[in-house]
Each structure stands twice: as C-alpha cells, then as structure tokens.
Amino acid sequence: MFTSISWQQYLQAIAILTSAYYTAVILLYFRVELFAILHRIKNGKPFHESHSQKKEVLGTIAQDQHEHSFNAEELEFSSREPNQLIDETH
C-alpha cells in the first residue's frame, strides 16, 4: 500500500482539502453576504448595525376588536362537586 506517506502528511492533506472545500462552498453560496460584510468593514461600520433592525416577516399584530376581559369578581364557578354535575346531565 502507501508506505511512503506518513500519518502526519495524510492529516495535513485532509486538512488542506477540507479547508479548500469549505472555502469554495462559502464563496459559491454565501458570496453576496460575504461581500456585504466586507463592504461594511471597509467603510468602518460595525456588522451588527445592519441586523439590529427588526424585520417583520408576518406583519404587525392586529388587536381583536371584540376582545373582552373580566375581573376576578365577575367570574362564576360552580359550587357543586364534579360527580353531582355528571349525575344531573344524565
């Protein structure tokens, strides 16, 4: 087999190939975002400023026109036991 290649050389080759692969993927798929980040750094603006604005994906929350609220005194609860209620319904 490969007796002339040491483990250190093998691992170095794997590290170089892996880093080249991920560099290519980043440049191909995230090219626009990468250039935007580099452009902001070149102009002296921090990167986090562009992401500080909240983007509303679904829009604003509409308030319910028929919303009702009750005070604790207005709530009524039954004083009967649960078994008594079942017997009365049958």
Protein backbone atom coordinates (compact mmCIF):
# COMPACT_ATOMS: atom_id res chain seq x y z
CA MET A 1 0.00 0.00 0.00
CA PHE A 2 1.07 3.58 0.67
CA THR A 3 4.16 3.13 2.78
CA SER A 4 5.79 6.38 1.70
CA ILE A 5 3.05 8.62 3.21
CA SER A 6 3.12 9.23 6.94
CA TRP A 7 0.05 9.87 9.11
CA GLN A 8 1.13 13.46 9.59
CA GLN A 9 1.27 14.04 5.84
CA TYR A 10 -2.10 12.33 5.41
CA LEU A 11 -3.74 14.50 8.08
CA GLN A 12 -2.20 17.66 6.61
CA ALA A 13 -3.55 16.77 3.17
CA ILE A 14 -7.02 16.10 4.62
CA ALA A 15 -6.94 19.44 6.50
CA ILE A 16 -5.91 21.33 3.34
CA LEU A 17 -8.55 19.63 1.19
CA THR A 18 -11.27 20.19 3.80
CA SER A 19 -10.44 23.87 4.21
CA ALA A 20 -10.36 24.31 0.41
CA TYR A 21 -13.76 22.62 0.12
CA TYR A 22 -15.39 24.81 2.76
CA THR A 23 -13.79 27.94 1.31
CA ALA A 24 -15.25 27.07 -2.10
CA VAL A 25 -18.70 26.42 -0.58
CA ILE A 26 -18.65 29.72 1.31
CA LEU A 27 -17.58 31.64 -1.78
CA LEU A 28 -20.17 29.98 -4.01
CA TYR A 29 -23.21 30.02 -1.76
CA PHE A 30 -22.60 32.97 0.56
CA ARG A 31 -20.86 35.31 -1.86
CA VAL A 32 -23.40 38.14 -1.54
CA GLU A 33 -23.43 38.08 2.26
CA LEU A 34 -19.65 37.84 2.42
CA PHE A 35 -19.18 40.85 0.14
CA ALA A 36 -21.75 42.83 2.16
CA ILE A 37 -19.83 42.09 5.36
CA LEU A 38 -16.51 43.03 3.76
CA HIS A 39 -18.02 46.23 2.35
CA ARG A 40 -19.34 47.25 5.78
CA ILE A 41 -15.97 46.52 7.39
CA LYS A 42 -14.20 48.53 4.66
CA ASN A 43 -16.47 51.54 5.34
CA GLY A 44 -15.80 51.30 9.07
CA LYS A 45 -19.34 50.37 10.07
CA PRO A 46 -19.87 47.54 12.54
CA PHE A 47 -21.60 44.47 11.15
CA HIS A 48 -24.23 44.21 13.88
CA GLU A 49 -25.88 47.55 12.96
CA SER A 50 -27.47 46.14 9.83
CA HIS A 51 -29.06 43.31 11.78
CA SER A 52 -30.33 45.47 14.63
CA GLN A 53 -33.44 46.44 12.70
CA LYS A 54 -36.26 44.02 13.34
CA LYS A 55 -37.72 42.52 10.22
CA GLU A 56 -41.36 41.61 10.48
CA VAL A 57 -41.96 38.52 8.44
CA LEU A 58 -45.68 38.12 9.11
CA GLY A 59 -46.56 41.77 9.69
CA THR A 60 -47.82 43.53 12.77
CA ILE A 61 -50.21 42.02 15.28
CA ALA A 62 -53.77 43.24 14.85
CA GLN A 63 -55.76 43.87 18.01
CA ASP A 64 -59.00 41.94 18.35
CA GLN A 65 -62.00 44.26 18.02
CA HIS A 66 -64.22 42.04 20.19
CA GLU A 67 -61.75 41.42 22.97
CA HIS A 68 -63.32 41.07 26.40
CA SER A 69 -61.71 40.99 29.78
CA PHE A 70 -63.24 40.06 33.10
CA ASN A 71 -62.45 40.96 36.66
CA ALA A 72 -61.95 38.16 39.15
CA GLU A 73 -65.23 39.14 40.88
CA GLU A 74 -67.21 38.68 37.65
CA LEU A 75 -66.18 35.05 37.20
CA GLU A 76 -68.64 32.45 38.44
CA PHE A 77 -67.69 28.92 39.40
CA SER A 78 -69.93 26.04 40.32
CA SER A 79 -70.06 25.10 43.96
CA ARG A 80 -71.10 21.51 43.22
CA GLU A 81 -68.83 18.50 43.13
CA PRO A 82 -67.90 17.15 39.69
CA ASN A 83 -69.79 13.88 40.31
CA GLN A 84 -73.00 15.75 41.01
CA LEU A 85 -72.73 17.57 37.70
CA ILE A 86 -72.29 14.28 35.79
CA ASP A 87 -75.32 12.74 37.51
CA GLU A 88 -77.53 15.71 36.66
CA THR A 89 -76.63 15.68 32.97
CA HIS A 90 -77.70 12.02 32.51
